[in-house]
């Protein structure tokens, strides 16, 4: 019997497998999950992750070192199309590029929001409230609302405050300097991007899977049932059964209700309410270095 069994061989499962040495059960023929790439007619299609950056230097160093010499680093040069012009990302660090009318409205509302925050103990209840409290109504209506609602297909009012934890707030001085035309960067943890020179994001998954012993990698083993026992669990797969005292699931949570009997109704209902927004990033493999050096993210709002 295994002490630990990892269900799913995507990025989470592979990294946990490296750290623990536990066996991995993966339904596909190739590990990597949503962090894999496809290659069609000279183009690389990244299914999910498409660049590497992190607030954690340890995590970033781990990813970059995994690629050895097969890695490219570039300075962020993203652009956002808003107010009929291209602005540097993040937009609050390039307010001088807005029209005069928009710039005045955005700066005025931004300053008033900072004054309110300093004089009142504000408690935003959703992401819309948080954007307005942090950046003002004008900048929220011009950029943050259309951008985020376009990407996430959800009203800001329906997104909880948990989302705000992933959005940095710049120093007030940086925003005011940008409105006067002085260049500021913002989001310094995203200032440099890394990406495999060859192989798309799959190159990172291939490196991680190489750190898993062949005997611990069970591919083409789609999980059919998870059955509790007195001593642990029996994991039934198309390739046979495996016993374990403990299992960690990294497979899509929406698959669990069909794998486990007697899931509480409130849990299965919560899972059923979850939504997925698919993202595909496309690059030309033969021009990877050129594209990386000019890394543009252009969104028409």
C-alpha atoms as a PDB file:
ATOM      1  CA  UNK A   1       0.000   0.000   0.000  1.00  0.00           C
ATOM      2  CA  UNK A   2       1.181   3.504  -0.841  1.00  0.00           C
ATOM      3  CA  UNK A   3       1.424   6.066   1.928  1.00  0.00           C
ATOM      4  CA  UNK A   4       0.487   8.825  -0.536  1.00  0.00           C
ATOM      5  CA  UNK A   5      -0.899   8.804  -4.067  1.00  0.00           C
ATOM      6  CA  UNK A   6      -1.189  11.887  -6.276  1.00  0.00           C
ATOM      7  CA  UNK A   7      -4.159  12.056  -8.638  1.00  0.00           C
ATOM      8  CA  UNK A   8      -3.319  14.113 -11.717  1.00  0.00           C
ATOM      9  CA  UNK A   9       0.013  14.750 -13.391  1.00  0.00           C
ATOM     10  CA  UNK A  10      -0.277  18.427 -14.246  1.00  0.00           C
ATOM     11  CA  UNK A  11       2.004  21.139 -12.884  1.00  0.00           C
ATOM     12  CA  UNK A  12       0.639  20.728  -9.335  1.00  0.00           C
ATOM     13  CA  UNK A  13       0.862  16.938  -9.382  1.00  0.00           C
ATOM     14  CA  UNK A  14       4.362  16.888 -10.863  1.00  0.00           C
ATOM     15  CA  UNK A  15       5.758  19.422  -8.401  1.00  0.00           C
ATOM     16  CA  UNK A  16       4.199  17.554  -5.470  1.00  0.00           C
ATOM     17  CA  UNK A  17       5.596  14.310  -6.846  1.00  0.00           C
ATOM     18  CA  UNK A  18       9.094  15.773  -6.977  1.00  0.00           C
ATOM     19  CA  UNK A  19       8.828  17.066  -3.410  1.00  0.00           C
ATOM     20  CA  UNK A  20       7.336  13.903  -1.873  1.00  0.00           C
ATOM     21  CA  UNK A  21       8.466  11.063  -4.133  1.00  0.00           C
ATOM     22  CA  UNK A  22       4.859   9.813  -4.219  1.00  0.00           C
ATOM     23  CA  UNK A  23       3.426   7.972  -7.247  1.00  0.00           C
ATOM     24  CA  UNK A  24       1.320   9.935  -9.740  1.00  0.00           C
ATOM     25  CA  UNK A  25      -1.794   8.695 -11.545  1.00  0.00           C
ATOM     26  CA  UNK A  26      -2.425  10.582 -14.806  1.00  0.00           C
ATOM     27  CA  UNK A  27      -5.190   9.886 -17.326  1.00  0.00           C
ATOM     28  CA  UNK A  28      -3.303  11.186 -20.378  1.00  0.00           C
ATOM     29  CA  UNK A  29      -0.394   9.607 -22.218  1.00  0.00           C
ATOM     30  CA  UNK A  30       1.719  12.671 -21.433  1.00  0.00           C
ATOM     31  CA  UNK A  31       2.014  14.462 -18.057  1.00  0.00           C
ATOM     32  CA  UNK A  32       1.579  18.228 -17.908  1.00  0.00           C
ATOM     33  CA  UNK A  33      -2.174  18.820 -17.835  1.00  0.00           C
ATOM     34  CA  UNK A  34      -3.205  22.361 -18.737  1.00  0.00           C
ATOM     35  CA  UNK A  35       0.431  23.485 -18.779  1.00  0.00           C
ATOM     36  CA  UNK A  36       1.102  21.597 -22.021  1.00  0.00           C
ATOM     37  CA  UNK A  37       1.590  23.035 -25.500  1.00  0.00           C
ATOM     38  CA  UNK A  38       0.540  21.909 -28.966  1.00  0.00           C
ATOM     39  CA  UNK A  39       2.561  22.471 -32.120  1.00  0.00           C
ATOM     40  CA  UNK A  40       0.738  23.038 -35.420  1.00  0.00           C
ATOM     41  CA  UNK A  41       2.286  24.365 -38.652  1.00  0.00           C
ATOM     42  CA  UNK A  42       5.133  26.160 -36.882  1.00  0.00           C
ATOM     43  CA  UNK A  43       2.904  27.692 -34.197  1.00  0.00           C
ATOM     44  CA  UNK A  44       3.042  26.919 -30.490  1.00  0.00           C
ATOM     45  CA  UNK A  45      -0.302  26.815 -28.691  1.00  0.00           C
ATOM     46  CA  UNK A  46       0.038  27.132 -24.916  1.00  0.00           C
ATOM     47  CA  UNK A  47      -3.138  25.829 -23.285  1.00  0.00           C
ATOM     48  CA  UNK A  48      -2.769  27.796 -20.069  1.00  0.00           C
ATOM     49  CA  UNK A  49       0.431  29.206 -18.541  1.00  0.00           C
ATOM     50  CA  UNK A  50       2.405  31.150 -21.140  1.00  0.00           C
ATOM     51  CA  UNK A  51       5.044  33.173 -19.270  1.00  0.00           C
ATOM     52  CA  UNK A  52       6.961  32.757 -16.035  1.00  0.00           C
ATOM     53  CA  UNK A  53       7.059  35.364 -13.286  1.00  0.00           C
ATOM     54  CA  UNK A  54       6.384  35.300  -9.569  1.00  0.00           C
ATOM     55  CA  UNK A  55       6.487  37.405  -6.423  1.00  0.00           C
ATOM     56  CA  UNK A  56       8.371  34.462  -4.907  1.00  0.00           C
ATOM     57  CA  UNK A  57      11.998  34.561  -6.050  1.00  0.00           C
ATOM     58  CA  UNK A  58      12.437  30.981  -4.821  1.00  0.00           C
ATOM     59  CA  UNK A  59       9.582  29.752  -7.020  1.00  0.00           C
ATOM     60  CA  UNK A  60      10.798  31.732 -10.033  1.00  0.00           C
ATOM     61  CA  UNK A  61      14.358  30.438  -9.602  1.00  0.00           C
ATOM     62  CA  UNK A  62      12.990  26.898  -9.428  1.00  0.00           C
ATOM     63  CA  UNK A  63      11.077  27.244 -12.709  1.00  0.00           C
ATOM     64  CA  UNK A  64      13.894  29.005 -14.562  1.00  0.00           C
ATOM     65  CA  UNK A  65      16.599  26.612 -13.376  1.00  0.00           C
ATOM     66  CA  UNK A  66      14.436  23.681 -14.481  1.00  0.00           C
ATOM     67  CA  UNK A  67      14.874  24.805 -18.084  1.00  0.00           C
ATOM     68  CA  UNK A  68      18.672  25.042 -18.007  1.00  0.00           C
ATOM     69  CA  UNK A  69      19.828  26.980 -21.085  1.00  0.00           C
ATOM     70  CA  UNK A  70      16.433  26.637 -22.793  1.00  0.00           C
ATOM     71  CA  UNK A  71      15.065  29.875 -21.383  1.00  0.00           C
ATOM     72  CA  UNK A  72      14.683  33.448 -22.599  1.00  0.00           C
ATOM     73  CA  UNK A  73      14.240  36.533 -20.416  1.00  0.00           C
ATOM     74  CA  UNK A  74      12.819  39.828 -21.610  1.00  0.00           C
ATOM     75  CA  UNK A  75      11.677  43.120 -20.114  1.00  0.00           C
ATOM     76  CA  UNK A  76       7.927  43.616 -20.029  1.00  0.00           C
ATOM     77  CA  UNK A  77       6.659  45.593 -23.013  1.00  0.00           C
ATOM     78  CA  UNK A  78       2.931  44.904 -22.824  1.00  0.00           C
ATOM     79  CA  UNK A  79       0.451  47.313 -24.355  1.00  0.00           C
ATOM     80  CA  UNK A  80      -3.260  47.835 -23.778  1.00  0.00           C
ATOM     81  CA  UNK A  81      -5.477  49.492 -26.384  1.00  0.00           C
ATOM     82  CA  UNK A  82      -7.793  51.870 -24.536  1.00  0.00           C
ATOM     83  CA  UNK A  83      -9.067  55.412 -25.114  1.00  0.00           C
ATOM     84  CA  UNK A  84      -8.272  54.906 -28.856  1.00  0.00           C
ATOM     85  CA  UNK A  85      -4.536  54.523 -28.222  1.00  0.00           C
ATOM     86  CA  UNK A  86      -1.921  52.073 -26.984  1.00  0.00           C
ATOM     87  CA  UNK A  87      -0.928  52.501 -23.346  1.00  0.00           C
ATOM     88  CA  UNK A  88       1.858  50.827 -21.429  1.00  0.00           C
ATOM     89  CA  UNK A  89       0.813  48.130 -18.972  1.00  0.00           C
ATOM     90  CA  UNK A  90      -0.013  48.595 -16.141  1.00  0.00           C
ATOM     91  CA  UNK A  91      -2.197  51.467 -17.354  1.00  0.00           C
ATOM     92  CA  UNK A  92      -1.961  53.451 -14.107  1.00  0.00           C
ATOM     93  CA  UNK A  93       1.744  53.881 -14.847  1.00  0.00           C
ATOM     94  CA  UNK A  94       1.083  55.541 -18.214  1.00  0.00           C
ATOM     95  CA  UNK A  95      -1.781  57.977 -17.593  1.00  0.00           C
ATOM     96  CA  UNK A  96      -0.010  60.695 -19.586  1.00  0.00           C
ATOM     97  CA  UNK A  97      -0.798  58.744 -22.763  1.00  0.00           C
ATOM     98  CA  UNK A  98      -4.555  59.169 -22.229  1.00  0.00           C
ATOM     99  CA  UNK A  99      -6.514  61.988 -23.816  1.00  0.00           C
ATOM    100  CA  UNK A 100      -6.434  65.161 -21.746  1.00  0.00           C
ATOM    101  CA  UNK A 101     -10.091  64.754 -20.778  1.00  0.00           C
ATOM    102  CA  UNK A 102      -9.628  61.151 -19.651  1.00  0.00           C
ATOM    103  CA  UNK A 103      -6.384  61.919 -17.836  1.00  0.00           C
ATOM    104  CA  UNK A 104      -7.970  64.743 -15.807  1.00  0.00           C
ATOM    105  CA  UNK A 105     -10.954  62.564 -14.870  1.00  0.00           C
ATOM    106  CA  UNK A 106      -8.779  59.590 -13.905  1.00  0.00           C
ATOM    107  CA  UNK A 107      -6.298  61.593 -11.833  1.00  0.00           C
ATOM    108  CA  UNK A 108      -9.056  63.568 -10.081  1.00  0.00           C
ATOM    109  CA  UNK A 109     -10.988  60.443  -9.130  1.00  0.00           C
ATOM    110  CA  UNK A 110      -7.797  58.633  -8.137  1.00  0.00           C
ATOM    111  CA  UNK A 111      -6.702  61.403  -5.765  1.00  0.00           C
ATOM    112  CA  UNK A 112     -10.193  61.660  -4.269  1.00  0.00           C
ATOM    113  CA  UNK A 113     -10.196  57.886  -3.709  1.00  0.00           C
ATOM    114  CA  UNK A 114      -6.865  58.100  -1.872  1.00  0.00           C
ATOM    115  CA  UNK A 115      -8.209  60.909   0.319  1.00  0.00           C
ATOM    116  CA  UNK A 116     -11.292  58.827   1.163  1.00  0.00           C
ATOM    117  CA  UNK A 117      -9.103  55.846   2.011  1.00  0.00           C
ATOM    118  CA  UNK A 118      -6.959  57.970   4.307  1.00  0.00           C
ATOM    119  CA  UNK A 119      -9.896  59.550   6.144  1.00  0.00           C
ATOM    120  CA  UNK A 120     -12.347  56.630   6.247  1.00  0.00           C
ATOM    121  CA  UNK A 121     -12.003  52.983   7.129  1.00  0.00           C
ATOM    122  CA  UNK A 122     -13.452  51.644   3.868  1.00  0.00           C
ATOM    123  CA  UNK A 123     -14.602  48.028   3.543  1.00  0.00           C
ATOM    124  CA  UNK A 124     -15.190  47.100  -0.127  1.00  0.00           C
ATOM    125  CA  UNK A 125     -17.647  44.227  -0.498  1.00  0.00           C
ATOM    126  CA  UNK A 126     -16.721  43.104  -4.018  1.00  0.00           C
ATOM    127  CA  UNK A 127     -14.123  43.693  -6.714  1.00  0.00           C
ATOM    128  CA  UNK A 128     -16.029  46.632  -8.201  1.00  0.00           C
ATOM    129  CA  UNK A 129     -16.007  48.424  -4.842  1.00  0.00           C
ATOM    130  CA  UNK A 130     -12.325  47.603  -4.434  1.00  0.00           C
ATOM    131  CA  UNK A 131     -11.314  49.025  -7.833  1.00  0.00           C
ATOM    132  CA  UNK A 132     -13.261  52.234  -7.189  1.00  0.00           C
ATOM    133  CA  UNK A 133     -11.800  52.560  -3.681  1.00  0.00           C
ATOM    134  CA  UNK A 134      -8.258  51.881  -4.952  1.00  0.00           C
ATOM    135  CA  UNK A 135      -8.196  53.684  -8.310  1.00  0.00           C
ATOM    136  CA  UNK A 136     -11.334  55.835  -8.536  1.00  0.00           C
ATOM    137  CA  UNK A 137     -14.481  55.495 -10.649  1.00  0.00           C
ATOM    138  CA  UNK A 138     -13.079  57.033 -13.862  1.00  0.00           C
ATOM    139  CA  UNK A 139     -10.133  54.628 -14.211  1.00  0.00           C
ATOM    140  CA  UNK A 140     -12.391  51.736 -13.192  1.00  0.00           C
ATOM    141  CA  UNK A 141     -14.956  52.559 -15.896  1.00  0.00           C
ATOM    142  CA  UNK A 142     -12.315  53.306 -18.535  1.00  0.00           C
ATOM    143  CA  UNK A 143     -10.146  50.232 -18.050  1.00  0.00           C
ATOM    144  CA  UNK A 144     -10.499  47.930 -15.028  1.00  0.00           C
ATOM    145  CA  UNK A 145     -14.176  47.092 -15.547  1.00  0.00           C
ATOM    146  CA  UNK A 146     -14.143  46.430 -19.326  1.00  0.00           C
ATOM    147  CA  UNK A 147     -10.830  44.572 -19.191  1.00  0.00           C
ATOM    148  CA  UNK A 148     -11.688  42.249 -16.302  1.00  0.00           C
ATOM    149  CA  UNK A 149     -15.285  41.629 -17.388  1.00  0.00           C
ATOM    150  CA  UNK A 150     -14.030  40.814 -20.883  1.00  0.00           C
ATOM    151  CA  UNK A 151     -11.442  38.336 -19.613  1.00  0.00           C
ATOM    152  CA  UNK A 152     -13.452  36.698 -16.813  1.00  0.00           C
ATOM    153  CA  UNK A 153     -16.938  36.981 -18.397  1.00  0.00           C
ATOM    154  CA  UNK A 154     -18.310  38.088 -15.034  1.00  0.00           C
ATOM    155  CA  UNK A 155     -19.523  41.384 -13.596  1.00  0.00           C
ATOM    156  CA  UNK A 156     -17.062  42.945 -11.159  1.00  0.00           C
ATOM    157  CA  UNK A 157     -19.866  43.067  -8.603  1.00  0.00           C
ATOM    158  CA  UNK A 158     -20.033  39.255  -8.753  1.00  0.00           C
ATOM    159  CA  UNK A 159     -16.309  38.776  -8.050  1.00  0.00           C
ATOM    160  CA  UNK A 160     -15.339  38.524  -4.395  1.00  0.00           C
ATOM    161  CA  UNK A 161     -12.626  40.411  -2.570  1.00  0.00           C
ATOM    162  CA  UNK A 162     -10.365  37.359  -2.890  1.00  0.00           C
ATOM    163  CA  UNK A 163      -9.593  38.541  -6.419  1.00  0.00           C
ATOM    164  CA  UNK A 164      -8.131  41.801  -5.121  1.00  0.00           C
ATOM    165  CA  UNK A 165      -5.311  39.876  -3.439  1.00  0.00           C
ATOM    166  CA  UNK A 166      -3.680  39.211  -6.824  1.00  0.00           C
ATOM    167  CA  UNK A 167      -3.781  42.854  -7.967  1.00  0.00           C
ATOM    168  CA  UNK A 168      -0.931  45.104  -6.732  1.00  0.00           C
ATOM    169  CA  UNK A 169      -1.667  48.717  -5.854  1.00  0.00           C
ATOM    170  CA  UNK A 170       1.038  51.171  -6.980  1.00  0.00           C
ATOM    171  CA  UNK A 171       2.524  53.933  -4.830  1.00  0.00           C
ATOM    172  CA  UNK A 172       0.512  57.154  -5.182  1.00  0.00           C
ATOM    173  CA  UNK A 173       3.664  58.984  -6.275  1.00  0.00           C
ATOM    174  CA  UNK A 174       4.109  56.595  -9.226  1.00  0.00           C
ATOM    175  CA  UNK A 175       0.581  57.224 -10.481  1.00  0.00           C
ATOM    176  CA  UNK A 176       0.949  61.005 -10.207  1.00  0.00           C
ATOM    177  CA  UNK A 177       4.357  60.911 -11.912  1.00  0.00           C
ATOM    178  CA  UNK A 178       2.900  58.873 -14.765  1.00  0.00           C
ATOM    179  CA  UNK A 179       0.122  61.447 -15.243  1.00  0.00           C
ATOM    180  CA  UNK A 180       2.805  64.136 -15.629  1.00  0.00           C
ATOM    181  CA  UNK A 181       4.679  62.113 -18.239  1.00  0.00           C
ATOM    182  CA  UNK A 182       7.418  60.622 -16.071  1.00  0.00           C
ATOM    183  CA  UNK A 183       7.912  56.941 -16.806  1.00  0.00           C
ATOM    184  CA  UNK A 184       7.228  54.521 -13.955  1.00  0.00           C
ATOM    185  CA  UNK A 185       7.103  50.739 -14.111  1.00  0.00           C
ATOM    186  CA  UNK A 186       4.786  49.306 -11.439  1.00  0.00           C
ATOM    187  CA  UNK A 187       4.205  45.560 -10.796  1.00  0.00           C
ATOM    188  CA  UNK A 188       7.947  44.938 -10.499  1.00  0.00           C
ATOM    189  CA  UNK A 189       7.409  41.200 -10.001  1.00  0.00           C
ATOM    190  CA  UNK A 190       6.158  41.200 -13.620  1.00  0.00           C
ATOM    191  CA  UNK A 191       8.894  43.437 -14.991  1.00  0.00           C
ATOM    192  CA  UNK A 192      10.862  40.492 -16.369  1.00  0.00           C
ATOM    193  CA  UNK A 193       9.298  37.548 -18.148  1.00  0.00           C
ATOM    194  CA  UNK A 194      10.825  34.143 -18.775  1.00  0.00           C
ATOM    195  CA  UNK A 195       9.774  31.626 -21.422  1.00  0.00           C
ATOM    196  CA  UNK A 196      11.314  28.467 -22.974  1.00  0.00           C
ATOM    197  CA  UNK A 197      13.238  29.215 -26.164  1.00  0.00           C
ATOM    198  CA  UNK A 198      12.055  25.937 -27.677  1.00  0.00           C
ATOM    199  CA  UNK A 199       9.130  23.680 -26.873  1.00  0.00           C
ATOM    200  CA  UNK A 200       6.597  26.100 -25.409  1.00  0.00           C
ATOM    201  CA  UNK A 201       5.454  25.689 -21.814  1.00  0.00           C
ATOM    202  CA  UNK A 202       5.595  21.929 -22.359  1.00  0.00           C
ATOM    203  CA  UNK A 203       9.372  22.212 -22.012  1.00  0.00           C
ATOM    204  CA  UNK A 204       8.923  23.040 -18.322  1.00  0.00           C
ATOM    205  CA  UNK A 205       6.557  20.105 -17.805  1.00  0.00           C
ATOM    206  CA  UNK A 206       8.980  17.759 -19.572  1.00  0.00           C
ATOM    207  CA  UNK A 207      11.750  18.897 -17.247  1.00  0.00           C
ATOM    208  CA  UNK A 208       9.620  18.325 -14.149  1.00  0.00           C
ATOM    209  CA  UNK A 209       8.350  14.931 -15.313  1.00  0.00           C
ATOM    210  CA  UNK A 210      11.973  13.857 -15.833  1.00  0.00           C
ATOM    211  CA  UNK A 211      12.362  14.240 -12.071  1.00  0.00           C
ATOM    212  CA  UNK A 212       9.737  11.543 -11.438  1.00  0.00           C
ATOM    213  CA  UNK A 213      10.889   7.918 -11.396  1.00  0.00           C
ATOM    214  CA  UNK A 214       9.343   5.840 -14.173  1.00  0.00           C
ATOM    215  CA  UNK A 215       7.951   3.457 -11.573  1.00  0.00           C
ATOM    216  CA  UNK A 216       6.075   6.363  -9.969  1.00  0.00           C
ATOM    217  CA  UNK A 217       4.503   7.708 -13.165  1.00  0.00           C
ATOM    218  CA  UNK A 218       1.290   5.872 -14.082  1.00  0.00           C
ATOM    219  CA  UNK A 219       0.105   7.257 -17.426  1.00  0.00           C
ATOM    220  CA  UNK A 220      -3.087   6.438 -19.344  1.00  0.00           C
ATOM    221  CA  UNK A 221      -4.613   5.580 -15.970  1.00  0.00           C
ATOM    222  CA  UNK A 222      -7.865   7.529 -15.872  1.00  0.00           C
ATOM    223  CA  UNK A 223      -9.415   7.391 -12.390  1.00  0.00           C
ATOM    224  CA  UNK A 224     -12.822   5.686 -12.445  1.00  0.00           C
ATOM    225  CA  UNK A 225     -13.666   5.516  -8.748  1.00  0.00           C
ATOM    226  CA  UNK A 226     -12.309   6.521  -5.337  1.00  0.00           C
ATOM    227  CA  UNK A 227     -13.454   4.057  -2.666  1.00  0.00           C
ATOM    228  CA  UNK A 228     -12.831   4.649   1.074  1.00  0.00           C
ATOM    229  CA  UNK A 229     -11.642   1.660   3.118  1.00  0.00           C
ATOM    230  CA  UNK A 230     -10.842   1.088   6.792  1.00  0.00           C
ATOM    231  CA  UNK A 231      -7.151   1.751   6.182  1.00  0.00           C
ATOM    232  CA  UNK A 232      -7.292   4.386   3.445  1.00  0.00           C
ATOM    233  CA  UNK A 233      -8.516   4.467  -0.143  1.00  0.00           C
ATOM    234  CA  UNK A 234      -8.729   2.270  -3.206  1.00  0.00           C
ATOM    235  CA  UNK A 235      -8.161   4.208  -6.413  1.00  0.00           C
ATOM    236  CA  UNK A 236      -9.785   2.371  -9.308  1.00  0.00           C
ATOM    237  CA  UNK A 237      -8.335   3.294 -12.720  1.00  0.00           C
ATOM    238  CA  UNK A 238      -8.681   1.930 -16.237  1.00  0.00           C
ATOM    239  CA  UNK A 239      -5.245   0.375 -15.701  1.00  0.00           C
ATOM    240  CA  UNK A 240      -6.130  -1.343 -12.423  1.00  0.00           C
ATOM    241  CA  UNK A 241      -6.530  -0.620  -8.707  1.00  0.00           C
ATOM    242  CA  UNK A 242      -4.093   1.085  -6.343  1.00  0.00           C
ATOM    243  CA  UNK A 243      -4.319   1.225  -2.548  1.00  0.00           C
ATOM    244  CA  UNK A 244      -3.156   4.226  -0.565  1.00  0.00           C
ATOM    245  CA  UNK A 245      -3.477   5.589   2.942  1.00  0.00           C
ATOM    246  CA  UNK A 246      -3.829   9.148   1.639  1.00  0.00           C
ATOM    247  CA  UNK A 247      -4.567  10.700  -1.762  1.00  0.00           C
ATOM    248  CA  UNK A 248      -4.057  14.256  -2.937  1.00  0.00           C
ATOM    249  CA  UNK A 249      -6.261  15.206  -5.881  1.00  0.00           C
ATOM    250  CA  UNK A 250      -5.045  17.713  -8.456  1.00  0.00           C
ATOM    251  CA  UNK A 251      -7.519  16.557 -11.124  1.00  0.00           C
ATOM    252  CA  UNK A 252     -10.337  18.920 -12.184  1.00  0.00           C
ATOM    253  CA  UNK A 253     -12.595  19.345  -9.167  1.00  0.00           C
ATOM    254  CA  UNK A 254     -15.633  18.991 -11.437  1.00  0.00           C
ATOM    255  CA  UNK A 255     -14.673  15.316 -11.960  1.00  0.00           C
ATOM    256  CA  UNK A 256     -14.819  14.407  -8.269  1.00  0.00           C
ATOM    257  CA  UNK A 257     -18.628  14.007  -7.876  1.00  0.00           C
ATOM    258  CA  UNK A 258     -18.653  11.119 -10.351  1.00  0.00           C
ATOM    259  CA  UNK A 259     -15.660   9.459  -8.654  1.00  0.00           C
ATOM    260  CA  UNK A 260     -16.791   9.548  -5.018  1.00  0.00           C
ATOM    261  CA  UNK A 261     -20.089   8.241  -3.691  1.00  0.00           C
ATOM    262  CA  UNK A 262     -22.106  10.082  -1.078  1.00  0.00           C
ATOM    263  CA  UNK A 263     -20.620  13.535  -1.591  1.00  0.00           C
ATOM    264  CA  UNK A 264     -22.664  16.031   0.478  1.00  0.00           C
ATOM    265  CA  UNK A 265     -25.251  17.796  -1.680  1.00  0.00           C
ATOM    266  CA  UNK A 266     -23.971  21.242  -0.749  1.00  0.00           C
ATOM    267  CA  UNK A 267     -20.486  20.251  -1.947  1.00  0.00           C
ATOM    268  CA  UNK A 268     -21.660  18.847  -5.288  1.00  0.00           C
ATOM    269  CA  UNK A 269     -23.882  21.896  -5.823  1.00  0.00           C
ATOM    270  CA  UNK A 270     -20.968  24.233  -5.130  1.00  0.00           C
ATOM    271  CA  UNK A 271     -18.798  22.321  -7.599  1.00  0.00           C
ATOM    272  CA  UNK A 272     -21.549  22.502 -10.235  1.00  0.00           C
ATOM    273  CA  UNK A 273     -21.628  26.298  -9.925  1.00  0.00           C
ATOM    274  CA  UNK A 274     -17.954  26.661 -10.825  1.00  0.00           C
ATOM    275  CA  UNK A 275     -17.198  28.167 -14.233  1.00  0.00           C
ATOM    276  CA  UNK A 276     -14.214  27.873 -16.545  1.00  0.00           C
ATOM    277  CA  UNK A 277     -12.900  30.487 -18.987  1.00  0.00           C
ATOM    278  CA  UNK A 278     -10.607  28.794 -21.484  1.00  0.00           C
ATOM    279  CA  UNK A 279      -7.473  30.612 -22.646  1.00  0.00           C
ATOM    280  CA  UNK A 280      -5.140  29.744 -25.509  1.00  0.00           C
ATOM    281  CA  UNK A 281      -1.882  31.643 -26.170  1.00  0.00           C
ATOM    282  CA  UNK A 282      -0.355  31.338 -29.657  1.00  0.00           C
ATOM    283  CA  UNK A 283       3.230  32.006 -30.781  1.00  0.00           C
ATOM    284  CA  UNK A 284       5.232  31.325 -33.903  1.00  0.00           C
ATOM    285  CA  UNK A 285       7.955  28.881 -32.822  1.00  0.00           C
ATOM    286  CA  UNK A 286      10.507  30.061 -35.383  1.00  0.00           C
ATOM    287  CA  UNK A 287      10.191  33.680 -34.216  1.00  0.00           C
ATOM    288  CA  UNK A 288      10.015  32.986 -30.493  1.00  0.00           C
ATOM    289  CA  UNK A 289      12.990  35.182 -29.513  1.00  0.00           C
ATOM    290  CA  UNK A 290      11.712  38.143 -31.530  1.00  0.00           C
ATOM    291  CA  UNK A 291       8.227  37.822 -30.067  1.00  0.00           C
ATOM    292  CA  UNK A 292       9.608  37.512 -26.564  1.00  0.00           C
ATOM    293  CA  UNK A 293      11.679  40.661 -26.883  1.00  0.00           C
ATOM    294  CA  UNK A 294       8.582  42.590 -27.965  1.00  0.00           C
ATOM    295  CA  UNK A 295       6.111  40.791 -25.692  1.00  0.00           C
ATOM    296  CA  UNK A 296       2.841  42.598 -26.464  1.00  0.00           C
ATOM    297  CA  UNK A 297      -0.492  41.928 -24.848  1.00  0.00           C
ATOM    298  CA  UNK A 298      -2.956  44.002 -26.892  1.00  0.00           C
ATOM    299  CA  UNK A 299      -6.554  44.153 -25.737  1.00  0.00           C
ATOM    300  CA  UNK A 300      -9.104  46.321 -27.528  1.00  0.00           C
ATOM    301  CA  UNK A 301     -11.621  47.608 -25.021  1.00  0.00           C
END
